[in-house]
Amino acid sequence: MTATFSPIDAANRSITWVSGNTGVATVDSSGVVTSVAKGTAVITAKTEEGRYSDSSIIIVHDPIAVTGVTLSPSSDKIFFFPNPVKNYVTVTIPEPVTTGSDLKIFDNTGRIIKSVNMKGTSYDLDMTGFNRGLYYIVIYSNGKIFRNKILKD
């Protein structure tokens, strides 16, 4: 996981990472999360002085056996323009969607803020009514998951 500080030039950028359920997932001092067992855990980053913190929900599913590996130039990232966004953003995935796909926007607590059906490789997303902050966009398409973060200004 990655912590982003505000302001960007903050003097003390030291944080402590904590897992709310180490039986499901652990987190090291660098923010690297390791799954332990199926379940849900909340990972929290706390500033050294303790005045600020943020959390993310981690869901660990049953393990799936690897049946092969293929390298290709495609990416599982979603691309945004512009980012940060004020009102409207174009969301693009690296391959066409042949059937409708779910585009879900999550806040920092893991709550779904908006869910829409996406077709094609891009979607114009209206974020006018969203509060300022960091959001996570996940697209479930053709058996794949595409994800990235976006900042609402």
N, C-alpha and C. Protein backbone atom coordinates (compact mmCIF):
# COMPACT_ATOMS: atom_id res chain seq x y z
N MET A 1 0.85 -1.15 0.00
CA MET A 1 0.00 0.00 0.00
C MET A 1 0.90 1.23 0.00
N THR A 2 0.36 2.33 -0.47
CA THR A 2 1.12 3.56 -0.55
C THR A 2 0.38 4.66 0.18
N ALA A 3 1.10 5.38 1.03
CA ALA A 3 0.52 6.52 1.75
C ALA A 3 0.88 7.79 1.00
N THR A 4 -0.08 8.69 0.85
CA THR A 4 0.13 9.98 0.22
C THR A 4 -0.08 11.05 1.27
N PHE A 5 0.90 11.93 1.42
CA PHE A 5 0.84 12.95 2.47
C PHE A 5 0.32 14.27 1.92
N SER A 6 -0.40 15.00 2.79
CA SER A 6 -0.85 16.35 2.48
C SER A 6 -0.41 17.25 3.62
N PRO A 7 0.30 18.33 3.35
CA PRO A 7 0.76 18.72 2.03
C PRO A 7 1.89 17.80 1.57
N ILE A 8 2.16 17.84 0.29
CA ILE A 8 3.15 16.95 -0.30
C ILE A 8 4.54 17.15 0.28
N ASP A 9 4.82 18.37 0.80
CA ASP A 9 6.14 18.66 1.37
C ASP A 9 6.13 18.63 2.90
N ALA A 10 5.24 17.82 3.49
CA ALA A 10 5.16 17.70 4.95
C ALA A 10 6.52 17.29 5.52
N ALA A 11 6.90 17.89 6.63
CA ALA A 11 8.22 17.65 7.23
C ALA A 11 8.34 16.23 7.79
N ASN A 12 7.36 15.76 8.55
CA ASN A 12 7.42 14.44 9.16
C ASN A 12 6.54 13.48 8.37
N ARG A 13 7.18 12.64 7.56
CA ARG A 13 6.44 11.71 6.71
C ARG A 13 6.52 10.28 7.24
N SER A 14 6.75 10.13 8.55
CA SER A 14 6.85 8.81 9.15
C SER A 14 5.46 8.30 9.50
N ILE A 15 5.21 7.03 9.16
CA ILE A 15 3.91 6.42 9.47
C ILE A 15 4.10 5.03 10.04
N THR A 16 3.07 4.55 10.70
CA THR A 16 3.02 3.20 11.23
C THR A 16 1.88 2.48 10.54
N TRP A 17 2.14 1.28 10.06
CA TRP A 17 1.12 0.46 9.41
C TRP A 17 0.59 -0.55 10.41
N VAL A 18 -0.75 -0.77 10.41
CA VAL A 18 -1.38 -1.68 11.35
C VAL A 18 -2.45 -2.49 10.61
N SER A 19 -2.49 -3.80 10.88
CA SER A 19 -3.56 -4.65 10.38
C SER A 19 -4.56 -4.86 11.51
N GLY A 20 -5.84 -4.67 11.20
CA GLY A 20 -6.88 -4.90 12.19
C GLY A 20 -7.22 -6.36 12.38
N ASN A 21 -6.68 -7.24 11.52
CA ASN A 21 -6.96 -8.67 11.63
C ASN A 21 -5.76 -9.43 11.07
N THR A 22 -4.74 -9.63 11.91
CA THR A 22 -3.51 -10.30 11.46
C THR A 22 -3.73 -11.78 11.13
N GLY A 23 -4.86 -12.32 11.50
CA GLY A 23 -5.19 -13.68 11.11
C GLY A 23 -5.59 -13.78 9.64
N VAL A 24 -5.89 -12.63 9.02
CA VAL A 24 -6.28 -12.58 7.60
C VAL A 24 -5.18 -11.96 6.75
N ALA A 25 -4.62 -10.82 7.21
CA ALA A 25 -3.57 -10.14 6.45
C ALA A 25 -2.65 -9.39 7.40
N THR A 26 -1.36 -9.42 7.10
CA THR A 26 -0.39 -8.65 7.87
C THR A 26 0.13 -7.53 6.99
N VAL A 27 0.73 -6.51 7.60
CA VAL A 27 1.32 -5.41 6.86
C VAL A 27 2.66 -5.09 7.51
N ASP A 28 3.71 -4.91 6.67
CA ASP A 28 5.02 -4.60 7.24
C ASP A 28 5.24 -3.10 7.33
N SER A 29 6.40 -2.69 7.79
CA SER A 29 6.69 -1.28 8.02
C SER A 29 6.77 -0.46 6.73
N SER A 30 6.81 -1.13 5.59
CA SER A 30 6.83 -0.44 4.29
C SER A 30 5.45 -0.38 3.65
N GLY A 31 4.44 -0.99 4.28
CA GLY A 31 3.09 -1.00 3.73
C GLY A 31 2.80 -2.19 2.84
N VAL A 32 3.69 -3.19 2.82
CA VAL A 32 3.47 -4.39 2.02
C VAL A 32 2.53 -5.32 2.77
N VAL A 33 1.39 -5.65 2.13
CA VAL A 33 0.37 -6.49 2.75
C VAL A 33 0.57 -7.93 2.29
N THR A 34 0.49 -8.87 3.25
CA THR A 34 0.62 -10.29 2.95
C THR A 34 -0.63 -11.00 3.44
N SER A 35 -1.25 -11.77 2.53
CA SER A 35 -2.45 -12.51 2.92
C SER A 35 -2.06 -13.70 3.79
N VAL A 36 -2.91 -14.03 4.75
CA VAL A 36 -2.66 -15.14 5.67
C VAL A 36 -3.75 -16.19 5.51
N ALA A 37 -5.01 -15.74 5.46
CA ALA A 37 -6.14 -16.66 5.36
C ALA A 37 -7.33 -15.90 4.76
N LYS A 38 -8.34 -16.64 4.35
CA LYS A 38 -9.55 -16.06 3.79
C LYS A 38 -10.23 -15.18 4.84
N GLY A 39 -10.73 -14.01 4.40
CA GLY A 39 -11.44 -13.12 5.32
C GLY A 39 -11.25 -11.67 4.95
N THR A 40 -11.55 -10.79 5.90
CA THR A 40 -11.46 -9.35 5.68
C THR A 40 -10.60 -8.72 6.78
N ALA A 41 -9.75 -7.78 6.38
CA ALA A 41 -8.92 -7.05 7.34
C ALA A 41 -8.90 -5.58 6.94
N VAL A 42 -8.80 -4.72 7.92
CA VAL A 42 -8.65 -3.29 7.68
C VAL A 42 -7.19 -2.94 7.93
N ILE A 43 -6.53 -2.36 6.92
CA ILE A 43 -5.15 -1.92 7.04
C ILE A 43 -5.17 -0.41 7.26
N THR A 44 -4.47 0.06 8.29
CA THR A 44 -4.48 1.47 8.64
C THR A 44 -3.06 2.02 8.65
N ALA A 45 -2.91 3.21 8.09
CA ALA A 45 -1.65 3.95 8.15
C ALA A 45 -1.87 5.12 9.10
N LYS A 46 -1.00 5.24 10.12
CA LYS A 46 -1.12 6.32 11.11
C LYS A 46 0.14 7.17 11.07
N THR A 47 -0.03 8.49 11.10
CA THR A 47 1.13 9.37 11.13
C THR A 47 1.85 9.22 12.47
N GLU A 48 3.14 9.53 12.46
CA GLU A 48 3.94 9.35 13.66
C GLU A 48 3.40 10.13 14.85
N GLU A 49 2.95 11.36 14.60
CA GLU A 49 2.41 12.15 15.71
C GLU A 49 1.00 11.70 16.09
N GLY A 50 0.40 10.82 15.28
CA GLY A 50 -0.88 10.21 15.62
C GLY A 50 -2.12 11.03 15.36
N ARG A 51 -1.97 12.18 14.72
CA ARG A 51 -3.15 13.02 14.49
C ARG A 51 -3.93 12.63 13.24
N TYR A 52 -3.28 11.92 12.32
CA TYR A 52 -3.96 11.58 11.07
C TYR A 52 -3.79 10.11 10.77
N SER A 53 -4.83 9.53 10.15
CA SER A 53 -4.75 8.14 9.74
C SER A 53 -5.72 7.92 8.58
N ASP A 54 -5.50 6.83 7.87
CA ASP A 54 -6.41 6.42 6.81
C ASP A 54 -6.39 4.91 6.75
N SER A 55 -7.48 4.32 6.28
CA SER A 55 -7.60 2.86 6.27
C SER A 55 -8.12 2.37 4.93
N SER A 56 -7.84 1.10 4.66
CA SER A 56 -8.32 0.45 3.46
C SER A 56 -8.76 -0.97 3.82
N ILE A 57 -9.84 -1.41 3.22
CA ILE A 57 -10.35 -2.76 3.48
C ILE A 57 -9.69 -3.74 2.52
N ILE A 58 -9.17 -4.82 3.06
CA ILE A 58 -8.53 -5.87 2.27
C ILE A 58 -9.40 -7.12 2.38
N ILE A 59 -9.75 -7.69 1.23
CA ILE A 59 -10.53 -8.92 1.21
C ILE A 59 -9.65 -10.02 0.64
N VAL A 60 -9.44 -11.09 1.41
CA VAL A 60 -8.64 -12.23 0.98
C VAL A 60 -9.59 -13.36 0.63
N HIS A 61 -9.49 -13.85 -0.61
CA HIS A 61 -10.34 -14.92 -1.09
C HIS A 61 -9.62 -16.26 -0.97
N ASP A 62 -10.34 -17.35 -1.21
CA ASP A 62 -9.71 -18.67 -1.23
C ASP A 62 -8.61 -18.68 -2.28
N PRO A 63 -7.50 -19.38 -1.99
CA PRO A 63 -6.43 -19.43 -2.98
C PRO A 63 -6.87 -20.16 -4.25
N ILE A 64 -6.37 -19.69 -5.37
CA ILE A 64 -6.65 -20.32 -6.67
C ILE A 64 -5.34 -20.85 -7.20
N ALA A 65 -5.30 -22.12 -7.56
CA ALA A 65 -4.08 -22.74 -8.05
C ALA A 65 -3.66 -22.13 -9.39
N VAL A 66 -2.38 -21.86 -9.56
CA VAL A 66 -1.85 -21.33 -10.81
C VAL A 66 -1.79 -22.47 -11.81
N THR A 67 -2.34 -22.23 -13.01
CA THR A 67 -2.32 -23.25 -14.05
C THR A 67 -1.42 -22.85 -15.22
N GLY A 68 -0.85 -21.65 -15.18
CA GLY A 68 0.05 -21.21 -16.24
C GLY A 68 0.35 -19.73 -16.10
N VAL A 69 1.37 -19.29 -16.83
CA VAL A 69 1.75 -17.88 -16.83
C VAL A 69 2.00 -17.45 -18.26
N THR A 70 1.43 -16.31 -18.65
CA THR A 70 1.63 -15.75 -19.97
C THR A 70 1.97 -14.29 -19.82
N LEU A 71 3.04 -13.85 -20.45
CA LEU A 71 3.42 -12.45 -20.42
C LEU A 71 2.90 -11.76 -21.66
N SER A 72 2.34 -10.59 -21.48
CA SER A 72 1.85 -9.82 -22.61
C SER A 72 1.97 -8.34 -22.28
N PRO A 73 1.90 -7.49 -23.27
CA PRO A 73 2.05 -6.06 -23.00
C PRO A 73 0.83 -5.41 -22.36
N SER A 74 -0.26 -6.16 -22.21
CA SER A 74 -1.46 -5.55 -21.63
C SER A 74 -1.25 -5.26 -20.15
N SER A 75 -2.07 -4.40 -19.61
CA SER A 75 -1.94 -3.95 -18.23
C SER A 75 -3.27 -4.14 -17.53
N ASP A 76 -3.22 -4.24 -16.20
CA ASP A 76 -4.45 -4.31 -15.43
C ASP A 76 -4.79 -2.94 -14.86
N LYS A 77 -4.13 -1.91 -15.36
CA LYS A 77 -4.37 -0.55 -14.87
C LYS A 77 -5.47 0.13 -15.67
N ILE A 78 -6.20 0.97 -14.97
CA ILE A 78 -7.17 1.86 -15.60
C ILE A 78 -6.45 3.19 -15.79
N PHE A 79 -6.68 3.85 -16.90
CA PHE A 79 -6.06 5.13 -17.16
C PHE A 79 -7.13 6.22 -17.07
N PHE A 80 -6.75 7.37 -16.51
CA PHE A 80 -7.67 8.48 -16.32
C PHE A 80 -7.13 9.73 -16.98
N PHE A 81 -8.04 10.54 -17.47
CA PHE A 81 -7.66 11.88 -17.92
C PHE A 81 -8.82 12.80 -17.68
N PRO A 82 -8.66 13.87 -16.94
CA PRO A 82 -7.47 14.25 -16.17
C PRO A 82 -7.46 13.59 -14.81
N ASN A 83 -6.32 13.57 -14.17
CA ASN A 83 -6.17 13.07 -12.81
C ASN A 83 -5.12 13.93 -12.12
N PRO A 84 -5.50 14.76 -11.15
CA PRO A 84 -6.77 14.87 -10.43
C PRO A 84 -7.89 15.41 -11.32
N VAL A 85 -9.13 15.08 -10.91
CA VAL A 85 -10.31 15.45 -11.66
C VAL A 85 -11.12 16.49 -10.88
N LYS A 86 -11.72 17.41 -11.62
CA LYS A 86 -12.61 18.39 -10.98
C LYS A 86 -14.06 17.92 -11.10
N ASN A 87 -14.53 17.63 -12.32
CA ASN A 87 -15.92 17.22 -12.53
C ASN A 87 -16.05 15.95 -13.36
N TYR A 88 -15.51 15.95 -14.59
CA TYR A 88 -15.64 14.80 -15.48
C TYR A 88 -14.27 14.22 -15.78
N VAL A 89 -14.21 12.89 -15.87
CA VAL A 89 -12.97 12.21 -16.18
C VAL A 89 -13.26 11.11 -17.20
N THR A 90 -12.33 10.90 -18.13
CA THR A 90 -12.44 9.79 -19.07
C THR A 90 -11.66 8.62 -18.49
N VAL A 91 -12.35 7.49 -18.32
CA VAL A 91 -11.77 6.26 -17.78
C VAL A 91 -11.51 5.34 -18.97
N THR A 92 -10.28 4.83 -19.10
CA THR A 92 -9.91 3.97 -20.23
C THR A 92 -9.26 2.70 -19.71
N ILE A 93 -9.67 1.56 -20.28
CA ILE A 93 -9.00 0.29 -19.97
C ILE A 93 -8.27 -0.18 -21.22
N PRO A 94 -7.22 -1.02 -21.06
CA PRO A 94 -6.35 -1.36 -22.18
C PRO A 94 -6.91 -2.33 -23.21
N GLU A 95 -8.09 -2.87 -23.01
CA GLU A 95 -8.65 -3.79 -24.00
C GLU A 95 -10.16 -3.60 -24.09
N PRO A 96 -10.74 -3.86 -25.25
CA PRO A 96 -12.18 -3.61 -25.41
C PRO A 96 -13.03 -4.55 -24.57
N VAL A 97 -14.15 -4.03 -24.13
CA VAL A 97 -15.13 -4.79 -23.38
C VAL A 97 -16.16 -5.29 -24.37
N THR A 98 -16.33 -6.61 -24.45
CA THR A 98 -17.28 -7.16 -25.41
C THR A 98 -18.68 -7.27 -24.81
N THR A 99 -18.75 -7.40 -23.52
CA THR A 99 -20.05 -7.41 -22.85
C THR A 99 -20.03 -6.31 -21.80
N GLY A 100 -21.16 -5.97 -21.26
CA GLY A 100 -21.21 -4.94 -20.23
C GLY A 100 -20.31 -5.28 -19.05
N SER A 101 -19.66 -4.28 -18.53
CA SER A 101 -18.76 -4.47 -17.40
C SER A 101 -19.17 -3.55 -16.26
N ASP A 102 -18.91 -4.00 -15.06
CA ASP A 102 -19.21 -3.20 -13.88
C ASP A 102 -18.04 -2.29 -13.57
N LEU A 103 -18.30 -0.99 -13.49
CA LEU A 103 -17.32 0.00 -13.04
C LEU A 103 -17.78 0.43 -11.67
N LYS A 104 -16.94 0.21 -10.66
CA LYS A 104 -17.31 0.55 -9.29
C LYS A 104 -16.30 1.54 -8.73
N ILE A 105 -16.82 2.53 -8.00
CA ILE A 105 -15.99 3.52 -7.34
C ILE A 105 -16.12 3.31 -5.84
N PHE A 106 -14.97 3.15 -5.17
CA PHE A 106 -14.93 2.92 -3.73
C PHE A 106 -14.27 4.12 -3.04
N ASP A 107 -14.72 4.41 -1.81
CA ASP A 107 -14.02 5.42 -1.01
C ASP A 107 -12.95 4.71 -0.18
N ASN A 108 -12.27 5.45 0.71
CA ASN A 108 -11.19 4.88 1.50
C ASN A 108 -11.64 3.87 2.53
N THR A 109 -12.93 3.80 2.81
CA THR A 109 -13.42 2.80 3.78
C THR A 109 -13.84 1.51 3.09
N GLY A 110 -13.77 1.49 1.73
CA GLY A 110 -14.18 0.31 0.98
C GLY A 110 -15.65 0.33 0.60
N ARG A 111 -16.35 1.43 0.89
CA ARG A 111 -17.77 1.56 0.57
C ARG A 111 -17.93 1.91 -0.91
N ILE A 112 -18.86 1.24 -1.59
CA ILE A 112 -19.14 1.55 -3.00
C ILE A 112 -19.89 2.87 -3.06
N ILE A 113 -19.32 3.85 -3.77
CA ILE A 113 -19.91 5.17 -3.92
C ILE A 113 -20.79 5.22 -5.16
N LYS A 114 -20.36 4.56 -6.22
CA LYS A 114 -21.10 4.58 -7.48
C LYS A 114 -20.80 3.30 -8.25
N SER A 115 -21.78 2.77 -8.95
CA SER A 115 -21.61 1.59 -9.78
C SER A 115 -22.34 1.83 -11.09
N VAL A 116 -21.63 1.64 -12.21
CA VAL A 116 -22.23 1.85 -13.53
C VAL A 116 -21.84 0.70 -14.45
N ASN A 117 -22.56 0.57 -15.55
CA ASN A 117 -22.25 -0.43 -16.56
C ASN A 117 -21.44 0.24 -17.67
N MET A 118 -20.30 -0.35 -18.01
CA MET A 118 -19.39 0.23 -19.00
C MET A 118 -19.30 -0.69 -20.20
N LYS A 119 -19.24 -0.09 -21.41
CA LYS A 119 -19.04 -0.85 -22.65
C LYS A 119 -17.94 -0.16 -23.43
N GLY A 120 -17.18 -0.92 -24.23
CA GLY A 120 -16.09 -0.35 -25.01
C GLY A 120 -14.81 -0.27 -24.20
N THR A 121 -13.92 0.65 -24.58
CA THR A 121 -12.65 0.80 -23.86
C THR A 121 -12.60 2.08 -23.03
N SER A 122 -13.61 2.95 -23.16
CA SER A 122 -13.58 4.17 -22.35
C SER A 122 -14.98 4.56 -21.91
N TYR A 123 -14.99 5.36 -20.85
CA TYR A 123 -16.25 5.79 -20.25
C TYR A 123 -16.03 7.18 -19.68
N ASP A 124 -16.95 8.11 -19.96
CA ASP A 124 -16.89 9.45 -19.39
C ASP A 124 -17.65 9.44 -18.07
N LEU A 125 -16.93 9.62 -16.99
CA LEU A 125 -17.46 9.49 -15.64
C LEU A 125 -17.69 10.86 -15.03
N ASP A 126 -18.91 11.09 -14.53
CA ASP A 126 -19.27 12.34 -13.88
C ASP A 126 -18.99 12.21 -12.38
N MET A 127 -18.04 13.01 -11.89
CA MET A 127 -17.69 13.01 -10.46
C MET A 127 -18.04 14.34 -9.82
N THR A 128 -18.99 15.07 -10.42
CA THR A 128 -19.36 16.40 -9.95
C THR A 128 -19.79 16.41 -8.49
N GLY A 129 -20.59 15.47 -8.05
CA GLY A 129 -21.12 15.48 -6.68
C GLY A 129 -20.21 14.82 -5.66
N PHE A 130 -19.02 14.38 -6.05
CA PHE A 130 -18.12 13.69 -5.14
C PHE A 130 -17.37 14.70 -4.27
N ASN A 131 -17.11 14.33 -3.02
CA ASN A 131 -16.27 15.14 -2.14
C ASN A 131 -14.82 15.05 -2.61
N ARG A 132 -14.00 16.03 -2.22
CA ARG A 132 -12.58 15.98 -2.52
C ARG A 132 -11.97 14.78 -1.82
N GLY A 133 -10.99 14.11 -2.46
CA GLY A 133 -10.31 13.00 -1.82
C GLY A 133 -9.90 11.93 -2.80
N LEU A 134 -9.38 10.85 -2.26
CA LEU A 134 -8.88 9.74 -3.04
C LEU A 134 -9.97 8.69 -3.21
N TYR A 135 -10.14 8.19 -4.43
CA TYR A 135 -11.12 7.15 -4.73
C TYR A 135 -10.43 6.01 -5.47
N TYR A 136 -11.00 4.84 -5.36
CA TYR A 136 -10.49 3.65 -6.03
C TYR A 136 -11.53 3.22 -7.05
N ILE A 137 -11.09 3.05 -8.30
CA ILE A 137 -12.00 2.61 -9.35
C ILE A 137 -11.59 1.21 -9.77
N VAL A 138 -12.57 0.31 -9.79
CA VAL A 138 -12.34 -1.08 -10.18
C VAL A 138 -13.34 -1.42 -11.29
N ILE A 139 -12.84 -2.04 -12.36
CA ILE A 139 -13.70 -2.48 -13.46
C ILE A 139 -13.56 -3.99 -13.57
N TYR A 140 -14.69 -4.68 -13.51
CA TYR A 140 -14.75 -6.13 -13.68
C TYR A 140 -15.22 -6.37 -15.10
N SER A 141 -14.34 -6.93 -15.96
CA SER A 141 -14.66 -7.07 -17.37
C SER A 141 -14.04 -8.33 -17.96
N ASN A 142 -14.84 -9.11 -18.66
CA ASN A 142 -14.36 -10.29 -19.39
C ASN A 142 -13.48 -11.19 -18.51
N GLY A 143 -13.87 -11.36 -17.25
CA GLY A 143 -13.11 -12.21 -16.34
C GLY A 143 -11.85 -11.57 -15.79
N LYS A 144 -11.62 -10.31 -16.08
CA LYS A 144 -10.43 -9.60 -15.59
C LYS A 144 -10.85 -8.48 -14.65
N ILE A 145 -9.89 -8.03 -13.86
CA ILE A 145 -10.13 -6.91 -12.95
C ILE A 145 -9.10 -5.82 -13.27
N PHE A 146 -9.60 -4.63 -13.55
CA PHE A 146 -8.76 -3.47 -13.81
C PHE A 146 -8.96 -2.49 -12.66
N ARG A 147 -7.86 -1.87 -12.17
CA ARG A 147 -8.00 -0.98 -11.01
C ARG A 147 -6.96 0.13 -11.04
N ASN A 148 -7.34 1.22 -10.37
CA ASN A 148 -6.42 2.33 -10.19
C ASN A 148 -7.04 3.32 -9.20
N LYS A 149 -6.26 4.32 -8.82
CA LYS A 149 -6.72 5.35 -7.88
C LYS A 149 -6.93 6.65 -8.66
N ILE A 150 -7.86 7.47 -8.19
CA ILE A 150 -8.08 8.78 -8.78
C ILE A 150 -8.30 9.79 -7.66
N LEU A 151 -7.82 11.00 -7.90
CA LEU A 151 -7.93 12.05 -6.92
C LEU A 151 -8.97 13.05 -7.38
N LYS A 152 -9.99 13.30 -6.54
CA LYS A 152 -11.03 14.30 -6.83
C LYS A 152 -10.59 15.59 -6.18
N ASP A 153 -10.45 16.62 -7.01
CA ASP A 153 -9.98 17.93 -6.54
C ASP A 153 -11.15 18.84 -6.21
